Amino acid sequence: MPVIQALTFEQLRLAVGYNLGAVTIIEADASGSTTTFLTDDIYGGTSDHQGKHIVHIGGGSSNNDGEKRRVISTAVSSNRTTLTTFPATTNASANGHQAELWDQEYDPVRIEAYIDQAIIAATGRAFDPIENTSLHFDGKTRRFDIPSGIAMIREVMFRRSVTSTTVHACERIFDEATDSDFTQAADTQDGKSGTSLKLTIAGTVSAGNFVADSIDSVDLSKYTHLEGWVKATTTLAAADFVIRLDNGTVTGDSNDLEVLNVPATTAADTWTYFSIALAKPEADTAIVSIGLEYNANQAANTVWFDQIQAVVNDSADWAPLPHHLWDIDKEARDLIIKPGGVRVAGYSLMKLLGGDIPVLRTDDSTINEIDDEYVINQATGLALMAHGGGRATDPDDRRRAAAPWLGIAAQRKRNMPVLTNVRHVI
């Protein structure tokens, strides 16, 4: 992709307005009301600004940020212009508040629509790059739900190696600290790496109840993340469970060295791979105890954990899975791994390299994800074209003036890299 400034949609709108010569930034030089804006920044008589558009900017809801109003009348006194607007804003305009003042013929709402149209026109040619490591090969599974936010996949990678150490294989019950609401079992039938730990939890469980197990002392100070698997009969929200680590027996309070929130599961009865950054690895030089705590939304449930290990995240060595070993089921939005791909990847972390459809505007703070210059030039050209016409109705010859802007946009679009060897999800 071209290098972009990642402008906000407010900045894009302003850039288009400046190209059109249609916008002025004004500042309130005295306190007004919810229907008046007082400024010394503009010139003209009592009717020169009637019918214009005002967009409040400056950040913060108290500044009426993003609210758009129409100027219905103006008054001038001692070189200060009072703009009366409709409808009323949420808050009174205070001294120092800023706004955009747009010419009557260029409605900022339409300018935003032209910006979105420019982005839509580039969709399929321009993508927001994405790198996703939420999936994991297990040597068996051939069909994976493609994570949301991915519209195309360029590469499927597998982690060939990583610096790691096992914290707990979850092949035995936790007996250092137990709780009567937890019934534990080593499940030899359902695991992602052999046997898993199965916790059958009663409905009487309370928030903060936990089980713990002692482990051989392990130095985690050079590691960055804790990885593992979790599954539950009901979907878990983020932080419903926490993993505790300590250099003494886990106590379930603030004395434990690490209290790590387990991410949400993807669905009920579905194994979910997780990776959690260690909070303070420098203190984890002699971890001898691990705890699993039901932290929130506690209820009767059955939860499995498997293969908890620590890794050095940046030590990973990645290799691409050959393209002929994977495919995409667009209708089901699934990634299909062919039998040969399962054998090649084995038990390893998966990385998807791809992209998402560029975002459209949701508010002024939305960040543009494609070439800013393309968007600005294309939207400027569209605005001029919309106000163009024949000689009788277009004395400023805007239709012809649009051509250079659209030409620059077309050139910027041609300069977007051609996507090769990608597979579209939608």
Protein backbone atom coordinates (compact mmCIF):
# COMPACT_ATOMS: atom_id res chain seq x y z
CA MET A 1 0.00 0.00 0.00
CA PRO A 2 1.11 3.61 -0.47
CA VAL A 3 2.40 5.39 2.60
CA ILE A 4 -0.52 7.28 4.12
CA GLN A 5 -0.87 9.93 6.78
CA ALA A 6 -3.90 8.14 8.24
CA LEU A 7 -5.96 11.32 8.32
CA THR A 8 -9.20 11.49 10.24
CA PHE A 9 -12.42 11.99 8.34
CA GLU A 10 -12.58 15.51 9.78
CA GLN A 11 -9.20 16.24 8.20
CA LEU A 12 -10.31 14.69 4.90
CA ARG A 13 -13.49 16.79 4.87
CA LEU A 14 -11.49 19.95 5.54
CA ALA A 15 -8.97 19.12 2.80
CA VAL A 16 -11.79 18.70 0.29
CA GLY A 17 -13.36 21.94 1.49
CA TYR A 18 -10.10 23.84 1.03
CA ASN A 19 -9.73 22.43 -2.49
CA LEU A 20 -13.21 23.71 -3.29
CA GLY A 21 -12.59 27.06 -1.63
CA ALA A 22 -15.78 26.39 0.30
CA VAL A 23 -14.81 26.28 3.99
CA THR A 24 -13.43 28.61 6.64
CA ILE A 25 -12.37 27.71 10.18
CA ILE A 26 -13.92 30.12 12.65
CA GLU A 27 -13.53 30.49 16.40
CA ALA A 28 -16.03 31.82 18.90
CA ASP A 29 -14.74 35.11 20.35
CA ALA A 30 -17.49 35.37 22.94
CA SER A 31 -19.92 33.01 24.58
CA GLY A 32 -23.04 32.34 22.59
CA SER A 33 -26.02 30.06 23.14
CA THR A 34 -27.31 26.79 21.74
CA THR A 35 -28.54 28.72 18.70
CA THR A 36 -25.86 31.43 18.31
CA PHE A 37 -22.15 31.46 17.48
CA LEU A 38 -20.25 34.74 17.90
CA THR A 39 -17.04 35.26 15.93
CA ASP A 40 -14.68 37.97 14.69
CA ASP A 41 -13.21 35.73 11.97
CA ILE A 42 -15.55 36.47 9.06
CA TYR A 43 -16.55 39.53 7.09
CA GLY A 44 -19.71 40.63 5.37
CA GLY A 45 -23.09 42.09 6.00
CA THR A 46 -26.16 40.84 7.76
CA SER A 47 -27.23 38.45 5.01
CA ASP A 48 -23.89 37.32 3.57
CA HIS A 49 -23.73 34.09 5.57
CA GLN A 50 -27.39 33.15 5.72
CA GLY A 51 -27.95 29.61 4.44
CA LYS A 52 -24.39 28.45 5.09
CA HIS A 53 -23.53 25.30 7.03
CA ILE A 54 -21.67 25.15 10.33
CA VAL A 55 -19.88 22.07 11.66
CA HIS A 56 -18.73 22.23 15.27
CA ILE A 57 -15.23 20.83 15.80
CA GLY A 58 -12.51 20.86 18.43
CA GLY A 59 -13.10 17.59 20.27
CA GLY A 60 -15.16 16.90 23.37
CA SER A 61 -18.93 16.63 23.58
CA SER A 62 -19.13 19.95 25.45
CA ASN A 63 -17.86 21.62 22.25
CA ASN A 64 -20.80 20.13 20.29
CA ASP A 65 -18.11 18.23 18.38
CA GLY A 66 -19.39 16.93 15.03
CA GLU A 67 -22.81 18.58 15.25
CA LYS A 68 -23.93 20.13 11.95
CA ARG A 69 -26.31 23.09 11.80
CA ARG A 70 -27.68 25.56 9.22
CA VAL A 71 -27.18 29.32 9.54
CA ILE A 72 -30.64 30.90 9.36
CA SER A 73 -29.68 34.52 10.01
CA THR A 74 -26.67 36.73 10.72
CA ALA A 75 -26.12 40.00 12.52
CA VAL A 76 -23.00 42.18 12.66
CA SER A 77 -22.06 44.55 15.48
CA SER A 78 -18.64 46.14 16.00
CA ASN A 79 -17.09 43.74 13.46
CA ARG A 80 -18.41 40.73 15.41
CA THR A 81 -20.74 38.43 13.54
CA THR A 82 -23.50 36.53 15.30
CA LEU A 83 -24.53 33.43 13.43
CA THR A 84 -27.96 32.16 14.41
CA THR A 85 -28.25 28.45 13.67
CA PHE A 86 -30.97 25.81 13.57
CA PRO A 87 -31.64 23.41 15.14
CA ALA A 88 -30.18 24.12 18.55
CA THR A 89 -26.91 22.48 19.55
CA THR A 90 -26.55 20.25 22.59
CA ASN A 91 -24.50 22.84 24.49
CA ALA A 92 -24.08 26.59 24.31
CA SER A 93 -21.11 27.66 22.18
CA ALA A 94 -18.43 28.98 24.51
CA ASN A 95 -15.62 31.43 23.88
CA GLY A 96 -12.81 29.54 22.08
CA HIS A 97 -14.97 26.86 20.49
CA GLN A 98 -14.16 26.20 16.83
CA ALA A 99 -16.30 25.40 13.83
CA GLU A 100 -16.18 24.96 10.07
CA LEU A 101 -18.28 27.43 8.08
CA TRP A 102 -19.26 25.96 4.70
CA ASP A 103 -20.65 27.75 1.66
CA GLN A 104 -24.33 27.12 1.11
CA GLU A 105 -23.90 25.04 -2.04
CA TYR A 106 -21.46 22.58 -0.45
CA ASP A 107 -23.29 20.70 2.27
CA PRO A 108 -20.66 18.96 4.49
CA VAL A 109 -22.95 15.93 4.78
CA ARG A 110 -22.68 15.48 1.02
CA ILE A 111 -18.91 16.03 1.15
CA GLU A 112 -18.70 13.15 3.63
CA ALA A 113 -20.78 11.04 1.24
CA TYR A 114 -18.32 11.80 -1.58
CA ILE A 115 -15.45 10.72 0.68
CA ASP A 116 -17.22 7.43 1.37
CA GLN A 117 -17.91 7.01 -2.36
CA ALA A 118 -14.21 7.45 -3.08
CA ILE A 119 -13.34 4.71 -0.59
CA ILE A 120 -16.03 2.40 -1.98
CA ALA A 121 -14.65 2.91 -5.50
CA ALA A 122 -11.25 1.65 -4.32
CA THR A 123 -12.62 -1.35 -2.43
CA GLY A 124 -11.23 -4.52 -3.95
CA ARG A 125 -8.08 -2.68 -4.98
CA ALA A 126 -7.15 -1.28 -1.59
CA PHE A 127 -7.31 -3.18 1.69
CA ASP A 128 -6.49 -2.38 5.28
CA PRO A 129 -3.61 -4.81 6.05
CA ILE A 130 -4.35 -7.36 8.77
CA GLU A 131 -2.22 -9.89 10.62
CA ASN A 132 -4.23 -12.32 12.73
CA THR A 133 -2.91 -15.02 15.10
CA SER A 134 -6.13 -16.07 16.82
CA LEU A 135 -6.25 -19.55 15.24
CA HIS A 136 -4.12 -22.61 15.95
CA PHE A 137 -3.45 -25.80 14.01
CA ASP A 138 -3.89 -28.96 16.08
CA GLY A 139 -2.91 -31.64 13.59
CA LYS A 140 -6.55 -32.70 13.11
CA THR A 141 -8.89 -29.81 12.33
CA ARG A 142 -9.39 -28.99 8.66
CA ARG A 143 -12.09 -26.29 8.82
CA PHE A 144 -11.65 -23.01 10.69
CA ASP A 145 -14.02 -20.05 11.11
CA ILE A 146 -12.30 -17.06 9.52
CA PRO A 147 -12.07 -14.28 12.14
CA SER A 148 -14.31 -11.28 11.61
CA GLY A 149 -12.74 -8.26 9.96
CA ILE A 150 -10.89 -10.24 7.29
CA ALA A 151 -12.04 -9.77 3.70
CA MET A 152 -9.12 -11.38 1.88
CA ILE A 153 -6.26 -13.73 2.75
CA ARG A 154 -2.87 -13.50 1.10
CA GLU A 155 -0.93 -16.08 3.14
CA VAL A 156 -1.64 -18.78 5.70
CA MET A 157 1.44 -19.17 7.89
CA PHE A 158 2.34 -21.71 10.55
CA ARG A 159 4.70 -21.18 13.46
CA ARG A 160 7.58 -23.52 12.76
CA SER A 161 9.31 -22.88 16.08
CA VAL A 162 9.20 -20.58 19.11
CA THR A 163 11.10 -20.27 22.37
CA SER A 164 8.72 -21.79 24.92
CA THR A 165 8.39 -23.68 28.18
CA THR A 166 5.47 -25.64 29.57
CA VAL A 167 3.85 -24.10 32.64
CA HIS A 168 1.15 -26.75 33.09
CA ALA A 169 0.14 -29.45 30.60
CA CYS A 170 -3.30 -29.75 32.30
CA GLU A 171 -3.07 -33.53 32.30
CA ARG A 172 -3.73 -33.88 36.05
CA ILE A 173 -6.10 -32.33 38.58
CA PHE A 174 -5.13 -29.23 40.57
CA ASP A 175 -4.68 -30.37 44.18
CA GLU A 176 -2.68 -27.61 45.87
CA ALA A 177 -5.84 -25.60 46.52
CA THR A 178 -9.32 -26.95 45.80
CA ASP A 179 -12.87 -25.66 46.05
CA SER A 180 -16.04 -27.65 46.76
CA ASP A 181 -17.79 -26.03 43.79
CA PHE A 182 -15.19 -27.45 41.38
CA THR A 183 -15.22 -31.13 40.42
CA GLN A 184 -12.03 -31.93 38.57
CA ALA A 185 -11.09 -34.68 36.15
CA ALA A 186 -8.37 -35.46 33.66
CA ASP A 187 -10.26 -35.76 30.37
CA THR A 188 -8.54 -38.24 28.07
CA GLN A 189 -11.24 -37.99 25.40
CA ASP A 190 -11.37 -34.24 24.81
CA GLY A 191 -8.16 -32.26 24.55
CA LYS A 192 -6.16 -30.22 22.06
CA SER A 193 -2.80 -31.76 22.97
CA GLY A 194 -3.70 -35.07 24.57
CA THR A 195 -5.40 -35.05 27.98
CA SER A 196 -7.08 -31.86 29.25
CA LEU A 197 -8.24 -30.61 32.66
CA LYS A 198 -12.04 -30.71 33.01
CA LEU A 199 -13.70 -28.51 35.64
CA THR A 200 -17.37 -29.24 36.37
CA ILE A 201 -18.57 -26.20 38.27
CA ALA A 202 -21.66 -26.07 40.46
CA GLY A 203 -24.20 -23.26 40.35
CA THR A 204 -23.24 -22.31 43.92
CA VAL A 205 -19.84 -21.06 42.74
CA SER A 206 -18.89 -17.55 43.84
CA ALA A 207 -16.78 -14.97 42.05
CA GLY A 208 -13.16 -15.50 43.07
CA ASN A 209 -13.40 -19.26 43.72
CA PHE A 210 -10.34 -21.02 42.34
CA VAL A 211 -8.25 -24.18 42.21
CA ALA A 212 -4.46 -24.22 42.22
CA ASP A 213 -1.65 -26.67 41.59
CA SER A 214 2.03 -26.73 42.45
CA ILE A 215 4.55 -27.01 39.61
CA ASP A 216 8.27 -27.40 39.33
CA SER A 217 9.91 -23.99 39.67
CA VAL A 218 10.07 -22.25 36.31
CA ASP A 219 11.75 -18.96 35.43
CA LEU A 220 9.42 -16.95 33.17
CA SER A 221 11.39 -13.71 33.30
CA LYS A 222 12.53 -13.96 29.67
CA TYR A 223 9.09 -14.90 28.33
CA THR A 224 6.45 -12.49 27.07
CA HIS A 225 3.15 -14.36 26.78
CA LEU A 226 1.15 -17.19 28.30
CA GLU A 227 -0.61 -19.36 25.73
CA GLY A 228 -3.09 -22.18 26.05
CA TRP A 229 -6.53 -23.57 25.25
CA VAL A 230 -9.92 -23.11 26.91
CA LYS A 231 -13.41 -24.46 26.22
CA ALA A 232 -16.72 -24.16 28.09
CA THR A 233 -20.26 -25.42 27.68
CA THR A 234 -21.40 -21.79 27.70
CA THR A 235 -19.56 -19.00 25.92
CA LEU A 236 -17.13 -17.26 28.26
CA ALA A 237 -16.70 -13.50 28.22
CA ALA A 238 -13.25 -11.97 28.53
CA ALA A 239 -12.00 -12.20 32.14
CA ASP A 240 -14.69 -14.66 33.24
CA PHE A 241 -11.68 -16.79 34.13
CA VAL A 242 -8.24 -15.61 35.21
CA ILE A 243 -4.97 -17.51 35.45
CA ARG A 244 -2.89 -16.80 38.53
CA LEU A 245 0.85 -17.42 38.87
CA ASP A 246 2.98 -17.04 41.98
CA ASN A 247 6.37 -17.89 43.51
CA GLY A 248 4.51 -19.38 46.48
CA THR A 249 1.11 -21.01 46.76
CA VAL A 250 -1.50 -19.06 44.78
CA THR A 251 -3.69 -17.25 47.30
CA GLY A 252 -6.26 -15.66 44.99
CA ASP A 253 -5.53 -12.11 46.13
CA SER A 254 -3.26 -9.18 45.31
CA ASN A 255 -0.20 -11.08 46.54
CA ASP A 256 -0.14 -13.31 43.44
CA LEU A 257 2.53 -12.18 40.98
CA GLU A 258 0.42 -12.60 37.84
CA VAL A 259 -3.34 -12.27 37.41
CA LEU A 260 -4.05 -12.79 33.71
CA ASN A 261 -7.48 -12.39 32.11
CA VAL A 262 -8.46 -15.32 29.88
CA PRO A 263 -9.96 -13.93 26.63
CA ALA A 264 -13.52 -14.70 25.53
CA THR A 265 -14.24 -18.03 23.90
CA THR A 266 -15.40 -17.94 20.31
CA ALA A 267 -18.51 -20.08 20.95
CA ALA A 268 -19.99 -22.59 23.37
CA ASP A 269 -18.42 -26.06 23.33
CA THR A 270 -15.61 -24.79 21.10
CA TRP A 271 -11.92 -24.91 21.92
CA THR A 272 -10.42 -21.42 21.81
CA TYR A 273 -6.71 -20.73 21.66
CA PHE A 274 -5.54 -17.79 23.79
CA SER A 275 -2.41 -15.70 24.13
CA ILE A 276 -2.04 -13.33 27.08
CA ALA A 277 0.83 -10.92 27.66
CA LEU A 278 2.55 -11.45 31.00
CA ALA A 279 2.01 -8.40 33.19
CA LYS A 280 5.41 -8.31 34.94
CA PRO A 281 7.68 -11.10 33.70
CA GLU A 282 10.69 -9.55 35.38
CA ALA A 283 9.24 -10.70 38.71
CA ASP A 284 8.40 -14.21 37.50
CA THR A 285 11.80 -15.76 38.19
CA ALA A 286 10.59 -18.72 40.27
CA ILE A 287 6.94 -19.57 39.53
CA VAL A 288 5.89 -22.63 41.55
CA SER A 289 2.08 -22.37 41.59
CA ILE A 290 -0.71 -21.84 39.05
CA GLY A 291 -4.38 -21.12 39.76
CA LEU A 292 -7.57 -21.09 37.68
CA GLU A 293 -10.17 -18.69 39.06
CA TYR A 294 -13.82 -18.15 38.13
CA ASN A 295 -13.62 -14.38 38.25
CA ALA A 296 -16.92 -13.06 36.83
CA ASN A 297 -20.33 -14.10 35.47
CA GLN A 298 -20.04 -17.20 37.62
CA ALA A 299 -22.64 -19.92 36.97
CA ALA A 300 -22.95 -23.67 36.61
CA ASN A 301 -20.58 -24.56 33.82
CA THR A 302 -18.09 -27.09 32.55
CA VAL A 303 -14.74 -25.65 31.53
CA TRP A 304 -11.69 -27.32 30.02
CA PHE A 305 -8.08 -26.06 29.97
CA ASP A 306 -5.18 -27.56 28.06
CA GLN A 307 -1.48 -27.05 27.35
CA ILE A 308 -0.61 -23.80 29.16
CA GLN A 309 2.85 -22.62 28.15
CA ALA A 310 4.98 -19.48 28.17
CA VAL A 311 6.54 -18.20 24.96
CA VAL A 312 8.84 -15.45 23.73
CA ASN A 313 6.49 -13.92 21.21
CA ASP A 314 9.11 -12.33 18.94
CA SER A 315 11.18 -15.52 18.71
CA ALA A 316 8.66 -17.20 16.40
CA ASP A 317 9.88 -18.61 13.09
CA TRP A 318 7.06 -18.59 10.56
CA ALA A 319 6.69 -20.52 7.32
CA PRO A 320 3.99 -20.18 4.63
CA LEU A 321 1.56 -23.00 4.01
CA PRO A 322 1.67 -23.61 0.23
CA HIS A 323 -1.37 -22.14 -1.51
CA HIS A 324 -2.46 -25.47 -2.95
CA LEU A 325 -2.90 -26.80 0.60
CA TRP A 326 -5.64 -24.36 1.66
CA ASP A 327 -8.81 -22.85 0.27
CA ILE A 328 -11.74 -20.65 1.31
CA ASP A 329 -15.41 -21.59 1.56
CA LYS A 330 -16.95 -18.16 0.97
CA GLU A 331 -20.51 -19.22 1.70
CA ALA A 332 -19.59 -20.59 5.14
CA ARG A 333 -16.79 -18.07 5.62
CA ASP A 334 -14.44 -20.93 6.51
CA LEU A 335 -10.76 -21.57 5.92
CA ILE A 336 -10.32 -25.09 4.55
CA ILE A 337 -7.00 -26.87 5.17
CA LYS A 338 -6.38 -29.82 2.90
CA PRO A 339 -5.04 -33.08 4.38
CA GLY A 340 -1.53 -32.30 3.19
CA GLY A 341 -1.72 -28.92 4.90
CA VAL A 342 -2.76 -30.52 8.18
CA ARG A 343 0.30 -32.75 8.02
CA VAL A 344 2.65 -29.88 7.14
CA ALA A 345 1.41 -27.50 9.84
CA GLY A 346 1.00 -30.13 12.56
CA TYR A 347 0.42 -28.66 16.02
CA SER A 348 1.36 -25.01 15.55
CA LEU A 349 0.08 -21.45 15.81
CA MET A 350 -1.52 -20.07 12.64
CA LYS A 351 -0.98 -16.59 11.25
CA LEU A 352 -3.27 -15.13 8.59
CA LEU A 353 -1.88 -12.32 6.43
CA GLY A 354 -4.58 -10.46 4.58
CA GLY A 355 -6.74 -7.41 4.67
CA ASP A 356 -10.08 -5.93 5.54
CA ILE A 357 -12.41 -3.72 3.52
CA PRO A 358 -11.43 -0.08 4.25
CA VAL A 359 -13.70 1.55 6.80
CA LEU A 360 -16.25 4.17 5.90
CA ARG A 361 -17.01 7.14 8.09
CA THR A 362 -18.65 6.57 11.45
CA ASP A 363 -17.67 9.89 13.02
CA ASP A 364 -15.10 12.67 12.60
CA SER A 365 -12.43 10.73 14.50
CA THR A 366 -12.58 7.72 12.15
CA ILE A 367 -9.14 7.07 10.65
CA ASN A 368 -8.84 6.67 6.90
CA GLU A 369 -7.19 3.36 5.98
CA ILE A 370 -6.25 3.93 2.33
CA ASP A 371 -4.32 6.52 0.32
CA ASP A 372 -5.34 9.93 1.68
CA GLU A 373 -4.44 11.81 -1.50
CA TYR A 374 -6.57 9.49 -3.60
CA VAL A 375 -9.57 10.02 -1.31
CA ILE A 376 -9.18 13.82 -1.17
CA ASN A 377 -8.77 14.24 -4.93
CA GLN A 378 -11.58 11.83 -5.81
CA ALA A 379 -14.02 13.46 -3.37
CA THR A 380 -13.07 16.94 -4.63
CA GLY A 381 -13.74 15.86 -8.21
CA LEU A 382 -17.07 14.28 -7.28
CA ALA A 383 -18.17 17.46 -5.48
CA LEU A 384 -17.30 19.62 -8.49
CA MET A 385 -19.03 17.23 -10.88
CA ALA A 386 -22.18 17.30 -8.75
CA HIS A 387 -22.33 21.08 -9.09
CA GLY A 388 -21.37 21.16 -12.75
CA GLY A 389 -23.65 21.55 -15.72
CA GLY A 390 -24.03 23.48 -18.95
CA ARG A 391 -22.73 26.99 -19.51
CA ALA A 392 -25.97 28.54 -18.36
CA THR A 393 -25.99 26.74 -15.01
CA ASP A 394 -22.25 26.34 -14.47
CA PRO A 395 -20.56 29.70 -15.07
CA ASP A 396 -17.55 28.61 -13.00
CA ASP A 397 -17.08 25.60 -15.31
CA ARG A 398 -16.88 23.20 -12.39
CA ARG A 399 -17.41 20.12 -14.52
CA ARG A 400 -14.21 20.87 -16.42
CA ALA A 401 -12.47 21.89 -13.17
CA ALA A 402 -13.25 18.43 -11.80
CA ALA A 403 -11.13 16.70 -14.45
CA PRO A 404 -7.66 17.43 -12.96
CA TRP A 405 -8.76 16.28 -9.50
CA LEU A 406 -10.27 13.08 -10.85
CA GLY A 407 -7.18 12.55 -13.00
CA ILE A 408 -4.87 12.76 -9.99
CA ALA A 409 -7.16 10.39 -8.09
CA ALA A 410 -7.09 7.91 -10.99
CA GLN A 411 -3.30 8.02 -11.04
CA ARG A 412 -3.13 7.43 -7.27
CA LYS A 413 -5.52 4.51 -7.67
CA ARG A 414 -3.38 3.01 -10.45
CA ASN A 415 -0.37 3.27 -8.13
CA MET A 416 -2.08 1.09 -5.55
CA PRO A 417 -0.33 -2.29 -5.59
CA VAL A 418 -1.93 -5.00 -7.68
CA LEU A 419 -3.08 -7.78 -5.37
CA THR A 420 -1.75 -11.14 -6.51
CA ASN A 421 -2.23 -14.62 -5.08
CA VAL A 422 -4.97 -13.42 -2.73
CA ARG A 423 -8.20 -15.19 -1.98
CA HIS A 424 -11.30 -13.21 -1.19
CA VAL A 425 -13.41 -14.17 1.79
CA ILE A 426 -16.46 -12.20 0.66
